[in-house]
Amino acid sequence: MTDYRTRDRYNTTDRYYAAAQEDRSSPRLRVAVPASLRPTGGHGFSTIVNDLSLGGFSAQCVNRLAIGSLCWLKLPGLEALQCEVIWWQSNLVGCAFQNLLSPVIYDDIVSRYREGAVQRSVV
């Protein structure tokens, strides 16, 4: 059973919480982005981001990550993005970005890595 207790950790009047919840209901686009994910204080590992929105992502994750733990996601061509683990199930992790992605950055990532798109190298 998935644990969604993180909602209780936020003040429901918090602007980021409200934006993140609104964004979680917006369309998530399927992508296949090679990335690395590093739990705070831990070792990073390679992963594939499966879907992406302005507020978060899901990715492959063999090792269980604790709900509420902080991580850093490194996408090609970008600095590491801080995120929080929202759920982990069946070798997949769902995380919320600490700060919403810029729509310009989001559009760039999606245009390069949308599922079925031609892969372009990052220079």
PDB file of N, CA and C in Angstrom:
ATOM      1  N   MET A   1       0.842  -1.184   0.000  1.00  0.00           N
ATOM      2  CA  MET A   1       0.000   0.000   0.000  1.00  0.00           C
ATOM      3  C   MET A   1       0.883   1.242   0.000  1.00  0.00           C
ATOM      4  N   THR A   2       0.563   2.187  -0.841  1.00  0.00           N
ATOM      5  CA  THR A   2       1.342   3.408  -0.962  1.00  0.00           C
ATOM      6  C   THR A   2       1.019   4.363   0.173  1.00  0.00           C
ATOM      7  N   ASP A   3       2.046   5.004   0.700  1.00  0.00           N
ATOM      8  CA  ASP A   3       1.901   5.924   1.828  1.00  0.00           C
ATOM      9  C   ASP A   3       1.941   7.363   1.319  1.00  0.00           C
ATOM     10  N   TYR A   4       0.892   8.106   1.519  1.00  0.00           N
ATOM     11  CA  TYR A   4       0.819   9.488   1.053  1.00  0.00           C
ATOM     12  C   TYR A   4       0.793  10.462   2.224  1.00  0.00           C
ATOM     13  N   ARG A   5       1.518  10.153   3.299  1.00  0.00           N
ATOM     14  CA  ARG A   5       1.507  10.984   4.500  1.00  0.00           C
ATOM     15  C   ARG A   5       2.164  12.336   4.311  1.00  0.00           C
ATOM     16  N   THR A   6       2.885  12.550   3.228  1.00  0.00           N
ATOM     17  CA  THR A   6       3.622  13.802   3.080  1.00  0.00           C
ATOM     18  C   THR A   6       2.704  15.011   3.078  1.00  0.00           C
ATOM     19  N   ARG A   7       1.457  14.866   2.681  1.00  0.00           N
ATOM     20  CA  ARG A   7       0.528  15.995   2.671  1.00  0.00           C
ATOM     21  C   ARG A   7       0.402  16.598   4.066  1.00  0.00           C
ATOM     22  N   ASP A   8       0.419  15.748   5.089  1.00  0.00           N
ATOM     23  CA  ASP A   8       0.284  16.221   6.462  1.00  0.00           C
ATOM     24  C   ASP A   8       1.493  17.028   6.916  1.00  0.00           C
ATOM     25  N   ARG A   9       2.608  16.893   6.235  1.00  0.00           N
ATOM     26  CA  ARG A   9       3.816  17.617   6.615  1.00  0.00           C
ATOM     27  C   ARG A   9       3.787  19.058   6.140  1.00  0.00           C
ATOM     28  N   TYR A  10       2.888  19.407   5.256  1.00  0.00           N
ATOM     29  CA  TYR A  10       2.808  20.750   4.713  1.00  0.00           C
ATOM     30  C   TYR A  10       1.608  21.484   5.284  1.00  0.00           C
ATOM     31  N   ASN A  11       1.755  22.760   5.425  1.00  0.00           N
ATOM     32  CA  ASN A  11       0.623  23.612   5.747  1.00  0.00           C
ATOM     33  C   ASN A  11      -0.175  23.743   4.451  1.00  0.00           C
ATOM     34  N   THR A  12      -1.438  23.389   4.468  1.00  0.00           N
ATOM     35  CA  THR A  12      -2.218  23.386   3.231  1.00  0.00           C
ATOM     36  C   THR A  12      -2.423  24.777   2.649  1.00  0.00           C
ATOM     37  N   THR A  13      -2.077  25.841   3.385  1.00  0.00           N
ATOM     38  CA  THR A  13      -2.144  27.185   2.812  1.00  0.00           C
ATOM     39  C   THR A  13      -0.812  27.579   2.180  1.00  0.00           C
ATOM     40  N   ASP A  14       0.201  26.725   2.293  1.00  0.00           N
ATOM     41  CA  ASP A  14       1.507  26.978   1.699  1.00  0.00           C
ATOM     42  C   ASP A  14       1.359  27.092   0.178  1.00  0.00           C
ATOM     43  N   ARG A  15       1.910  28.141  -0.413  1.00  0.00           N
ATOM     44  CA  ARG A  15       1.770  28.365  -1.863  1.00  0.00           C
ATOM     45  C   ARG A  15       2.384  27.249  -2.689  1.00  0.00           C
ATOM     46  N   TYR A  16       3.562  26.772  -2.284  1.00  0.00           N
ATOM     47  CA  TYR A  16       4.184  25.712  -3.059  1.00  0.00           C
ATOM     48  C   TYR A  16       3.338  24.449  -3.002  1.00  0.00           C
ATOM     49  N   TYR A  17       2.830  24.121  -1.824  1.00  0.00           N
ATOM     50  CA  TYR A  17       1.998  22.927  -1.693  1.00  0.00           C
ATOM     51  C   TYR A  17       0.800  23.025  -2.641  1.00  0.00           C
ATOM     52  N   ALA A  18       0.155  24.186  -2.656  1.00  0.00           N
ATOM     53  CA  ALA A  18      -1.016  24.367  -3.525  1.00  0.00           C
ATOM     54  C   ALA A  18      -0.623  24.231  -4.990  1.00  0.00           C
ATOM     55  N   ALA A  19       0.490  24.848  -5.373  1.00  0.00           N
ATOM     56  CA  ALA A  19       0.931  24.769  -6.769  1.00  0.00           C
ATOM     57  C   ALA A  19       1.304  23.340  -7.146  1.00  0.00           C
ATOM     58  N   ALA A  20       1.971  22.647  -6.234  1.00  0.00           N
ATOM     59  CA  ALA A  20       2.376  21.274  -6.519  1.00  0.00           C
ATOM     60  C   ALA A  20       1.161  20.372  -6.684  1.00  0.00           C
ATOM     61  N   GLN A  21       0.150  20.562  -5.854  1.00  0.00           N
ATOM     62  CA  GLN A  21      -1.052  19.743  -5.969  1.00  0.00           C
ATOM     63  C   GLN A  21      -1.789  20.046  -7.263  1.00  0.00           C
ATOM     64  N   GLU A  22      -1.841  21.317  -7.628  1.00  0.00           N
ATOM     65  CA  GLU A  22      -2.474  21.691  -8.892  1.00  0.00           C
ATOM     66  C   GLU A  22      -1.705  21.077 -10.047  1.00  0.00           C
ATOM     67  N   ASP A  23      -0.377  21.154  -9.991  1.00  0.00           N
ATOM     68  CA  ASP A  23       0.448  20.626 -11.060  1.00  0.00           C
ATOM     69  C   ASP A  23       0.352  19.116 -11.151  1.00  0.00           C
ATOM     70  N   ARG A  24       0.170  18.421 -10.019  1.00  0.00           N
ATOM     71  CA  ARG A  24       0.063  16.967 -10.048  1.00  0.00           C
ATOM     72  C   ARG A  24      -1.161  16.535 -10.838  1.00  0.00           C
ATOM     73  N   SER A  25      -2.136  17.419 -10.974  1.00  0.00           N
ATOM     74  CA  SER A  25      -3.316  17.069 -11.751  1.00  0.00           C
ATOM     75  C   SER A  25      -3.158  17.462 -13.217  1.00  0.00           C
ATOM     76  N   SER A  26      -2.105  18.202 -13.539  1.00  0.00           N
ATOM     77  CA  SER A  26      -1.875  18.567 -14.936  1.00  0.00           C
ATOM     78  C   SER A  26      -1.224  17.390 -15.654  1.00  0.00           C
ATOM     79  N   PRO A  27      -1.282  17.392 -16.971  1.00  0.00           N
ATOM     80  CA  PRO A  27      -0.742  16.256 -17.725  1.00  0.00           C
ATOM     81  C   PRO A  27       0.747  16.052 -17.464  1.00  0.00           C
ATOM     82  N   ARG A  28       1.095  14.803 -17.259  1.00  0.00           N
ATOM     83  CA  ARG A  28       2.503  14.424 -17.160  1.00  0.00           C
ATOM     84  C   ARG A  28       2.854  13.790 -18.488  1.00  0.00           C
ATOM     85  N   LEU A  29       3.939  14.240 -19.067  1.00  0.00           N
ATOM     86  CA  LEU A  29       4.330  13.695 -20.357  1.00  0.00           C
ATOM     87  C   LEU A  29       5.320  12.556 -20.184  1.00  0.00           C
ATOM     88  N   ARG A  30       5.107  11.504 -20.961  1.00  0.00           N
ATOM     89  CA  ARG A  30       6.017  10.361 -20.943  1.00  0.00           C
ATOM     90  C   ARG A  30       7.293  10.766 -21.663  1.00  0.00           C
ATOM     91  N   VAL A  31       8.407  10.522 -21.006  1.00  0.00           N
ATOM     92  CA  VAL A  31       9.722  10.820 -21.558  1.00  0.00           C
ATOM     93  C   VAL A  31      10.637   9.635 -21.261  1.00  0.00           C
ATOM     94  N   ALA A  32      11.818   9.676 -21.795  1.00  0.00           N
ATOM     95  CA  ALA A  32      12.847   8.680 -21.484  1.00  0.00           C
ATOM     96  C   ALA A  32      14.158   9.448 -21.361  1.00  0.00           C
ATOM     97  N   VAL A  33      14.370  10.055 -20.194  1.00  0.00           N
ATOM     98  CA  VAL A  33      15.526  10.922 -19.975  1.00  0.00           C
ATOM     99  C   VAL A  33      16.570  10.189 -19.135  1.00  0.00           C
ATOM    100  N   PRO A  34      17.778   9.985 -19.679  1.00  0.00           N
ATOM    101  CA  PRO A  34      18.837   9.420 -18.850  1.00  0.00           C
ATOM    102  C   PRO A  34      19.241  10.459 -17.808  1.00  0.00           C
ATOM    103  N   ALA A  35      19.338  10.051 -16.561  1.00  0.00           N
ATOM    104  CA  ALA A  35      19.615  10.994 -15.482  1.00  0.00           C
ATOM    105  C   ALA A  35      20.349  10.274 -14.365  1.00  0.00           C
ATOM    106  N   SER A  36      20.710  11.031 -13.346  1.00  0.00           N
ATOM    107  CA  SER A  36      21.224  10.417 -12.123  1.00  0.00           C
ATOM    108  C   SER A  36      20.428  10.976 -10.956  1.00  0.00           C
ATOM    109  N   LEU A  37      20.242  10.150  -9.958  1.00  0.00           N
ATOM    110  CA  LEU A  37      19.479  10.522  -8.769  1.00  0.00           C
ATOM    111  C   LEU A  37      20.356  10.217  -7.559  1.00  0.00           C
ATOM    112  N   ARG A  38      20.481  11.201  -6.664  1.00  0.00           N
ATOM    113  CA  ARG A  38      21.316  11.010  -5.480  1.00  0.00           C
ATOM    114  C   ARG A  38      20.557  11.411  -4.231  1.00  0.00           C
ATOM    115  N   PRO A  39      20.314  10.449  -3.341  1.00  0.00           N
ATOM    116  CA  PRO A  39      19.713  10.801  -2.053  1.00  0.00           C
ATOM    117  C   PRO A  39      20.695  11.679  -1.273  1.00  0.00           C
ATOM    118  N   THR A  40      20.191  12.655  -0.531  1.00  0.00           N
ATOM    119  CA  THR A  40      21.053  13.505   0.277  1.00  0.00           C
ATOM    120  C   THR A  40      21.875  12.633   1.219  1.00  0.00           C
ATOM    121  N   GLY A  41      23.195  12.815   1.181  1.00  0.00           N
ATOM    122  CA  GLY A  41      24.089  12.037   2.026  1.00  0.00           C
ATOM    123  C   GLY A  41      24.390  10.651   1.496  1.00  0.00           C
ATOM    124  N   GLY A  42      23.873  10.313   0.318  1.00  0.00           N
ATOM    125  CA  GLY A  42      24.078   8.981  -0.237  1.00  0.00           C
ATOM    126  C   GLY A  42      24.831   9.024  -1.552  1.00  0.00           C
ATOM    127  N   HIS A  43      24.944   7.876  -2.168  1.00  0.00           N
ATOM    128  CA  HIS A  43      25.610   7.752  -3.455  1.00  0.00           C
ATOM    129  C   HIS A  43      24.582   7.873  -4.570  1.00  0.00           C
ATOM    130  N   GLY A  44      24.964   8.543  -5.643  1.00  0.00           N
ATOM    131  CA  GLY A  44      24.086   8.676  -6.795  1.00  0.00           C
ATOM    132  C   GLY A  44      24.065   7.405  -7.621  1.00  0.00           C
ATOM    133  N   PHE A  45      23.025   7.269  -8.411  1.00  0.00           N
ATOM    134  CA  PHE A  45      22.900   6.125  -9.300  1.00  0.00           C
ATOM    135  C   PHE A  45      22.220   6.568 -10.583  1.00  0.00           C
ATOM    136  N   SER A  46      22.493   5.835 -11.655  1.00  0.00           N
ATOM    137  CA  SER A  46      21.877   6.131 -12.945  1.00  0.00           C
ATOM    138  C   SER A  46      20.422   5.709 -12.932  1.00  0.00           C
ATOM    139  N   THR A  47      19.608   6.467 -13.638  1.00  0.00           N
ATOM    140  CA  THR A  47      18.182   6.167 -13.713  1.00  0.00           C
ATOM    141  C   THR A  47      17.639   6.663 -15.047  1.00  0.00           C
ATOM    142  N   ILE A  48      16.405   6.334 -15.306  1.00  0.00           N
ATOM    143  CA  ILE A  48      15.673   6.857 -16.459  1.00  0.00           C
ATOM    144  C   ILE A  48      14.417   7.527 -15.917  1.00  0.00           C
ATOM    145  N   VAL A  49      14.235   8.799 -16.249  1.00  0.00           N
ATOM    146  CA  VAL A  49      13.014   9.513 -15.870  1.00  0.00           C
ATOM    147  C   VAL A  49      11.931   9.080 -16.847  1.00  0.00           C
ATOM    148  N   ASN A  50      10.819   8.557 -16.311  1.00  0.00           N
ATOM    149  CA  ASN A  50       9.734   8.014 -17.138  1.00  0.00           C
ATOM    150  C   ASN A  50       8.668   9.033 -17.501  1.00  0.00           C
ATOM    151  N   ASP A  51       8.378   9.947 -16.585  1.00  0.00           N
ATOM    152  CA  ASP A  51       7.422  11.009 -16.890  1.00  0.00           C
ATOM    153  C   ASP A  51       7.837  12.266 -16.145  1.00  0.00           C
ATOM    154  N   LEU A  52       7.360  13.397 -16.651  1.00  0.00           N
ATOM    155  CA  LEU A  52       7.829  14.680 -16.152  1.00  0.00           C
ATOM    156  C   LEU A  52       6.699  15.691 -16.188  1.00  0.00           C
ATOM    157  N   SER A  53       6.639  16.518 -15.152  1.00  0.00           N
ATOM    158  CA  SER A  53       5.737  17.671 -15.130  1.00  0.00           C
ATOM    159  C   SER A  53       6.525  18.833 -14.542  1.00  0.00           C
ATOM    160  N   LEU A  54       5.924  19.995 -14.479  1.00  0.00           N
ATOM    161  CA  LEU A  54       6.604  21.150 -13.894  1.00  0.00           C
ATOM    162  C   LEU A  54       6.916  20.923 -12.419  1.00  0.00           C
ATOM    163  N   GLY A  55       6.120  20.092 -11.758  1.00  0.00           N
ATOM    164  CA  GLY A  55       6.264  19.896 -10.323  1.00  0.00           C
ATOM    165  C   GLY A  55       6.959  18.628  -9.889  1.00  0.00           C
ATOM    166  N   GLY A  56       7.207  17.690 -10.806  1.00  0.00           N
ATOM    167  CA  GLY A  56       7.830  16.457 -10.366  1.00  0.00           C
ATOM    168  C   GLY A  56       8.043  15.461 -11.486  1.00  0.00           C
ATOM    169  N   PHE A  57       8.365  14.230 -11.096  1.00  0.00           N
ATOM    170  CA  PHE A  57       8.705  13.194 -12.069  1.00  0.00           C
ATOM    171  C   PHE A  57       8.562  11.822 -11.427  1.00  0.00           C
ATOM    172  N   SER A  58       8.572  10.808 -12.265  1.00  0.00           N
ATOM    173  CA  SER A  58       8.760   9.444 -11.779  1.00  0.00           C
ATOM    174  C   SER A  58       9.945   8.871 -12.532  1.00  0.00           C
ATOM    175  N   ALA A  59      10.666   7.970 -11.866  1.00  0.00           N
ATOM    176  CA  ALA A  59      11.874   7.405 -12.454  1.00  0.00           C
ATOM    177  C   ALA A  59      12.077   5.987 -11.950  1.00  0.00           C
ATOM    178  N   GLN A  60      12.895   5.243 -12.673  1.00  0.00           N
ATOM    179  CA  GLN A  60      13.257   3.899 -12.249  1.00  0.00           C
ATOM    180  C   GLN A  60      14.148   4.000 -11.019  1.00  0.00           C
ATOM    181  N   CYS A  61      13.924   3.118 -10.059  1.00  0.00           N
ATOM    182  CA  CYS A  61      14.683   3.176  -8.808  1.00  0.00           C
ATOM    183  C   CYS A  61      14.678   1.803  -8.156  1.00  0.00           C
ATOM    184  N   VAL A  62      15.774   1.082  -8.282  1.00  0.00           N
ATOM    185  CA  VAL A  62      15.850  -0.273  -7.743  1.00  0.00           C
ATOM    186  C   VAL A  62      15.836  -0.267  -6.221  1.00  0.00           C
ATOM    187  N   ASN A  63      16.572   0.665  -5.615  1.00  0.00           N
ATOM    188  CA  ASN A  63      16.641   0.726  -4.152  1.00  0.00           C
ATOM    189  C   ASN A  63      15.495   1.549  -3.595  1.00  0.00           C
ATOM    190  N   ARG A  64      14.904   1.060  -2.526  1.00  0.00           N
ATOM    191  CA  ARG A  64      13.800   1.783  -1.884  1.00  0.00           C
ATOM    192  C   ARG A  64      14.320   3.101  -1.324  1.00  0.00           C
ATOM    193  N   LEU A  65      13.586   4.174  -1.593  1.00  0.00           N
ATOM    194  CA  LEU A  65      13.878   5.483  -1.019  1.00  0.00           C
ATOM    195  C   LEU A  65      12.749   5.830  -0.063  1.00  0.00           C
ATOM    196  N   ALA A  66      13.101   6.328   1.097  1.00  0.00           N
ATOM    197  CA  ALA A  66      12.105   6.642   2.123  1.00  0.00           C
ATOM    198  C   ALA A  66      11.264   7.843   1.720  1.00  0.00           C
ATOM    199  N   ILE A  67       9.966   7.731   1.928  1.00  0.00           N
ATOM    200  CA  ILE A  67       9.059   8.840   1.654  1.00  0.00           C
ATOM    201  C   ILE A  67       9.465  10.029   2.512  1.00  0.00           C
ATOM    202  N   GLY A  68       9.537  11.188   1.881  1.00  0.00           N
ATOM    203  CA  GLY A  68       9.934  12.406   2.576  1.00  0.00           C
ATOM    204  C   GLY A  68      11.415  12.703   2.500  1.00  0.00           C
ATOM    205  N   SER A  69      12.214  11.737   2.020  1.00  0.00           N
ATOM    206  CA  SER A  69      13.654  12.000   1.932  1.00  0.00           C
ATOM    207  C   SER A  69      13.946  12.939   0.767  1.00  0.00           C
ATOM    208  N   LEU A  70      15.017  13.706   0.920  1.00  0.00           N
ATOM    209  CA  LEU A  70      15.427  14.654  -0.115  1.00  0.00           C
ATOM    210  C   LEU A  70      16.442  14.005  -1.031  1.00  0.00           C
ATOM    211  N   CYS A  71      16.352  14.335  -2.309  1.00  0.00           N
ATOM    212  CA  CYS A  71      17.251  13.796  -3.327  1.00  0.00           C
ATOM    213  C   CYS A  71      17.647  14.919  -4.278  1.00  0.00           C
ATOM    214  N   TRP A  72      18.613  14.606  -5.127  1.00  0.00           N
ATOM    215  CA  TRP A  72      19.055  15.521  -6.169  1.00  0.00           C
ATOM    216  C   TRP A  72      18.964  14.789  -7.501  1.00  0.00           C
ATOM    217  N   LEU A  73      18.243  15.375  -8.460  1.00  0.00           N
ATOM    218  CA  LEU A  73      18.104  14.806  -9.800  1.00  0.00           C
ATOM    219  C   LEU A  73      18.983  15.601 -10.749  1.00  0.00           C
ATOM    220  N   LYS A  74      19.853  14.897 -11.476  1.00  0.00           N
ATOM    221  CA  LYS A  74      20.725  15.541 -12.455  1.00  0.00           C
ATOM    222  C   LYS A  74      20.261  15.130 -13.834  1.00  0.00           C
ATOM    223  N   LEU A  75      19.706  16.106 -14.569  1.00  0.00           N
ATOM    224  CA  LEU A  75      19.263  15.897 -15.942  1.00  0.00           C
ATOM    225  C   LEU A  75      20.342  16.421 -16.886  1.00  0.00           C
ATOM    226  N   PRO A  76      20.444  15.877 -18.107  1.00  0.00           N
ATOM    227  CA  PRO A  76      21.474  16.325 -19.045  1.00  0.00           C
ATOM    228  C   PRO A  76      21.395  17.835 -19.298  1.00  0.00           C
ATOM    229  N   GLY A  77      22.537  18.499 -19.152  1.00  0.00           N
ATOM    230  CA  GLY A  77      22.618  19.921 -19.453  1.00  0.00           C
ATOM    231  C   GLY A  77      22.119  20.851 -18.366  1.00  0.00           C
ATOM    232  N   LEU A  78      21.687  20.309 -17.225  1.00  0.00           N
ATOM    233  CA  LEU A  78      21.161  21.146 -16.140  1.00  0.00           C
ATOM    234  C   LEU A  78      21.931  20.893 -14.852  1.00  0.00           C
ATOM    235  N   GLU A  79      21.862  21.863 -13.944  1.00  0.00           N
ATOM    236  CA  GLU A  79      22.397  21.649 -12.607  1.00  0.00           C
ATOM    237  C   GLU A  79      21.456  20.697 -11.874  1.00  0.00           C
ATOM    238  N   ALA A  80      21.954  20.099 -10.809  1.00  0.00           N
ATOM    239  CA  ALA A  80      21.136  19.168 -10.024  1.00  0.00           C
ATOM    240  C   ALA A  80      19.923  19.891  -9.442  1.00  0.00           C
ATOM    241  N   LEU A  81      18.774  19.221  -9.480  1.00  0.00           N
ATOM    242  CA  LEU A  81      17.510  19.769  -8.984  1.00  0.00           C
ATOM    243  C   LEU A  81      17.116  19.040  -7.706  1.00  0.00           C
ATOM    244  N   GLN A  82      16.850  19.799  -6.648  1.00  0.00           N
ATOM    245  CA  GLN A  82      16.447  19.174  -5.387  1.00  0.00           C
ATOM    246  C   GLN A  82      14.995  18.724  -5.480  1.00  0.00           C
ATOM    247  N   CYS A  83      14.713  17.556  -4.920  1.00  0.00           N
ATOM    248  CA  CYS A  83      13.357  17.015  -4.948  1.00  0.00           C
ATOM    249  C   CYS A  83      13.106  16.214  -3.674  1.00  0.00           C
ATOM    250  N   GLU A  84      11.843  15.902  -3.444  1.00  0.00           N
ATOM    251  CA  GLU A  84      11.432  15.115  -2.284  1.00  0.00           C
ATOM    252  C   GLU A  84      10.700  13.868  -2.752  1.00  0.00           C
ATOM    253  N   VAL A  85      11.021  12.743  -2.136  1.00  0.00           N
ATOM    254  CA  VAL A  85      10.361  11.483  -2.475  1.00  0.00           C
ATOM    255  C   VAL A  85       8.923  11.527  -1.960  1.00  0.00           C
ATOM    256  N   ILE A  86       7.970  11.319  -2.859  1.00  0.00           N
ATOM    257  CA  ILE A  86       6.544  11.300  -2.516  1.00  0.00           C
ATOM    258  C   ILE A  86       6.050   9.861  -2.390  1.00  0.00           C
ATOM    259  N   TRP A  87       6.547   8.983  -3.249  1.00  0.00           N
ATOM    260  CA  TRP A  87       6.159   7.578  -3.189  1.00  0.00           C
ATOM    261  C   TRP A  87       7.254   6.707  -3.801  1.00  0.00           C
ATOM    262  N   TRP A  88       7.275   5.451  -3.426  1.00  0.00           N
ATOM    263  CA  TRP A  88       8.147   4.436  -4.018  1.00  0.00           C
ATOM    264  C   TRP A  88       7.342   3.156  -4.094  1.00  0.00           C
ATOM    265  N   GLN A  89       7.331   2.539  -5.277  1.00  0.00           N
ATOM    266  CA  GLN A  89       6.577   1.296  -5.438  1.00  0.00           C
ATOM    267  C   GLN A  89       7.105   0.539  -6.644  1.00  0.00           C
ATOM    268  N   SER A  90       7.341  -0.743  -6.471  1.00  0.00           N
ATOM    269  CA  SER A  90       7.734  -1.636  -7.565  1.00  0.00           C
ATOM    270  C   SER A  90       8.872  -1.069  -8.415  1.00  0.00           C
ATOM    271  N   ASN A  91       9.933  -0.647  -7.763  1.00  0.00           N
ATOM    272  CA  ASN A  91      11.127  -0.128  -8.439  1.00  0.00           C
ATOM    273  C   ASN A  91      10.905   1.164  -9.216  1.00  0.00           C
ATOM    274  N   LEU A  92       9.910   1.917  -8.824  1.00  0.00           N
ATOM    275  CA  LEU A  92       9.676   3.261  -9.365  1.00  0.00           C
ATOM    276  C   LEU A  92       9.586   4.236  -8.199  1.00  0.00           C
ATOM    277  N   VAL A  93      10.082   5.442  -8.410  1.00  0.00           N
ATOM    278  CA  VAL A  93       9.996   6.481  -7.393  1.00  0.00           C
ATOM    279  C   VAL A  93       9.298   7.694  -7.999  1.00  0.00           C
ATOM    280  N   GLY A  94       8.463   8.333  -7.208  1.00  0.00           N
ATOM    281  CA  GLY A  94       7.811   9.576  -7.609  1.00  0.00           C
ATOM    282  C   GLY A  94       8.299  10.692  -6.705  1.00  0.00           C
ATOM    283  N   CYS A  95       8.760  11.775  -7.300  1.00  0.00           N
ATOM    284  CA  CYS A  95       9.332  12.882  -6.528  1.00  0.00           C
ATOM    285  C   CYS A  95       8.709  14.204  -6.949  1.00  0.00           C
ATOM    286  N   ALA A  96       8.677  15.137  -6.008  1.00  0.00           N
ATOM    287  CA  ALA A  96       8.232  16.511  -6.266  1.00  0.00           C
ATOM    288  C   ALA A  96       9.455  17.409  -6.213  1.00  0.00           C
ATOM    289  N   PHE A  97       9.597  18.287  -7.200  1.00  0.00           N
ATOM    290  CA  PHE A  97      10.707  19.228  -7.198  1.00  0.00           C
ATOM    291  C   PHE A  97      10.549  20.217  -6.055  1.00  0.00           C
ATOM    292  N   GLN A  98      11.668  20.611  -5.457  1.00  0.00           N
ATOM    293  CA  GLN A  98      11.653  21.622  -4.405  1.00  0.00           C
ATOM    294  C   GLN A  98      11.126  22.947  -4.965  1.00  0.00           C
ATOM    295  N   ASN A  99      11.543  23.280  -6.185  1.00  0.00           N
ATOM    296  CA  ASN A  99      11.056  24.465  -6.888  1.00  0.00           C
ATOM    297  C   ASN A  99      10.506  24.011  -8.231  1.00  0.00           C
ATOM    298  N   LEU A 100       9.383  24.544  -8.623  1.00  0.00           N
ATOM    299  CA  LEU A 100       8.784  24.154  -9.893  1.00  0.00           C
ATOM    300  C   LEU A 100       9.761  24.405 -11.034  1.00  0.00           C
ATOM    301  N   LEU A 101       9.767  23.519 -12.024  1.00  0.00           N
ATOM    302  CA  LEU A 101      10.601  23.711 -13.204  1.00  0.00           C
ATOM    303  C   LEU A 101      10.120  24.922 -13.986  1.00  0.00           C
ATOM    304  N   SER A 102      11.046  25.612 -14.582  1.00  0.00           N
ATOM    305  CA  SER A 102      10.694  26.693 -15.497  1.00  0.00           C
ATOM    306  C   SER A 102      10.009  26.072 -16.711  1.00  0.00           C
ATOM    307  N   PRO A 103       8.935  26.676 -17.216  1.00  0.00           N
ATOM    308  CA  PRO A 103       8.294  26.142 -18.421  1.00  0.00           C
ATOM    309  C   PRO A 103       9.245  26.059 -19.614  1.00  0.00           C
ATOM    310  N   VAL A 104      10.208  26.969 -19.708  1.00  0.00           N
ATOM    311  CA  VAL A 104      11.174  26.944 -20.812  1.00  0.00           C
ATOM    312  C   VAL A 104      12.057  25.700 -20.707  1.00  0.00           C
ATOM    313  N   ILE A 105      12.543  25.409 -19.509  1.00  0.00           N
ATOM    314  CA  ILE A 105      13.371  24.217 -19.296  1.00  0.00           C
ATOM    315  C   ILE A 105      12.547  22.958 -19.527  1.00  0.00           C
ATOM    316  N   TYR A 106      11.331  22.948 -19.010  1.00  0.00           N
ATOM    317  CA  TYR A 106      10.434  21.803 -19.197  1.00  0.00           C
ATOM    318  C   TYR A 106      10.221  21.526 -20.691  1.00  0.00           C
ATOM    319  N   ASP A 107       9.884  22.569 -21.452  1.00  0.00           N
ATOM    320  CA  ASP A 107       9.651  22.405 -22.891  1.00  0.00           C
ATOM    321  C   ASP A 107      10.889  21.875 -23.606  1.00  0.00           C
ATOM    322  N   ASP A 108      12.069  22.354 -23.199  1.00  0.00           N
ATOM    323  CA  ASP A 108      13.307  21.894 -23.821  1.00  0.00           C
ATOM    324  C   ASP A 108      13.530  20.406 -23.549  1.00  0.00           C
ATOM    325  N   ILE A 109      13.368  19.992 -22.307  1.00  0.00           N
ATOM    326  CA  ILE A 109      13.562  18.580 -21.951  1.00  0.00           C
ATOM    327  C   ILE A 109      12.570  17.702 -22.707  1.00  0.00           C
ATOM    328  N   VAL A 110      11.314  18.107 -22.704  1.00  0.00           N
ATOM    329  CA  VAL A 110      10.278  17.310 -23.373  1.00  0.00           C
ATOM    330  C   VAL A 110      10.545  17.225 -24.877  1.00  0.00           C
ATOM    331  N   SER A 111      10.968  18.335 -25.493  1.00  0.00           N
ATOM    332  CA  SER A 111      11.216  18.306 -26.939  1.00  0.00           C
ATOM    333  C   SER A 111      12.368  17.367 -27.289  1.00  0.00           C
ATOM    334  N   ARG A 112      13.331  17.221 -26.387  1.00  0.00           N
ATOM    335  CA  ARG A 112      14.477  16.346 -26.654  1.00  0.00           C
ATOM    336  C   ARG A 112      14.232  14.893 -26.279  1.00  0.00           C
ATOM    337  N   TYR A 113      13.405  14.650 -25.271  1.00  0.00           N
ATOM    338  CA  TYR A 113      13.307  13.294 -24.714  1.00  0.00           C
ATOM    339  C   TYR A 113      11.898  12.719 -24.668  1.00  0.00           C
ATOM    340  N   ARG A 114      10.955  13.355 -25.307  1.00  0.00           N
ATOM    341  CA  ARG A 114       9.601  12.805 -25.296  1.00  0.00           C
ATOM    342  C   ARG A 114       9.626  11.402 -25.872  1.00  0.00           C
ATOM    343  N   GLU A 115       8.863  10.509 -25.266  1.00  0.00           N
ATOM    344  CA  GLU A 115       8.847   9.115 -25.697  1.00  0.00           C
ATOM    345  C   GLU A 115       8.537   9.044 -27.187  1.00  0.00           C
ATOM    346  N   GLY A 116       9.382   8.351 -27.937  1.00  0.00           N
ATOM    347  CA  GLY A 116       9.195   8.212 -29.372  1.00  0.00           C
ATOM    348  C   GLY A 116       9.907   9.278 -30.182  1.00  0.00           C
ATOM    349  N   ALA A 117      10.469  10.306 -29.520  1.00  0.00           N
ATOM    350  CA  ALA A 117      11.172  11.370 -30.237  1.00  0.00           C
ATOM    351  C   ALA A 117      12.570  10.896 -30.622  1.00  0.00           C
ATOM    352  N   VAL A 118      13.125  11.533 -31.627  1.00  0.00           N
ATOM    353  CA  VAL A 118      14.496  11.253 -32.030  1.00  0.00           C
ATOM    354  C   VAL A 118      15.423  11.831 -30.967  1.00  0.00           C
ATOM    355  N   GLN A 119      16.362  11.017 -30.478  1.00  0.00           N
ATOM    356  CA  GLN A 119      17.294  11.473 -29.448  1.00  0.00           C
ATOM    357  C   GLN A 119      18.337  12.396 -30.055  1.00  0.00           C
ATOM    358  N   ARG A 120      18.591  13.515 -29.374  1.00  0.00           N
ATOM    359  CA  ARG A 120      19.628  14.451 -29.799  1.00  0.00           C
ATOM    360  C   ARG A 120      20.700  14.475 -28.731  1.00  0.00           C
ATOM    361  N   SER A 121      21.943  14.624 -29.152  1.00  0.00           N
ATOM    362  CA  SER A 121      23.023  14.676 -28.163  1.00  0.00           C
ATOM    363  C   SER A 121      23.027  16.025 -27.468  1.00  0.00           C
ATOM    364  N   VAL A 122      23.496  16.019 -26.228  1.00  0.00           N
ATOM    365  CA  VAL A 122      23.605  17.247 -25.452  1.00  0.00           C
ATOM    366  C   VAL A 122      25.047  17.712 -25.550  1.00  0.00           C
ATOM    367  N   VAL A 123      25.236  18.952 -25.997  1.00  0.00           N
ATOM    368  CA  VAL A 123      26.594  19.485 -26.158  1.00  0.00           C
ATOM    369  C   VAL A 123      26.849  20.523 -25.110  1.00  0.00           C
TER     370      VAL A 123
END
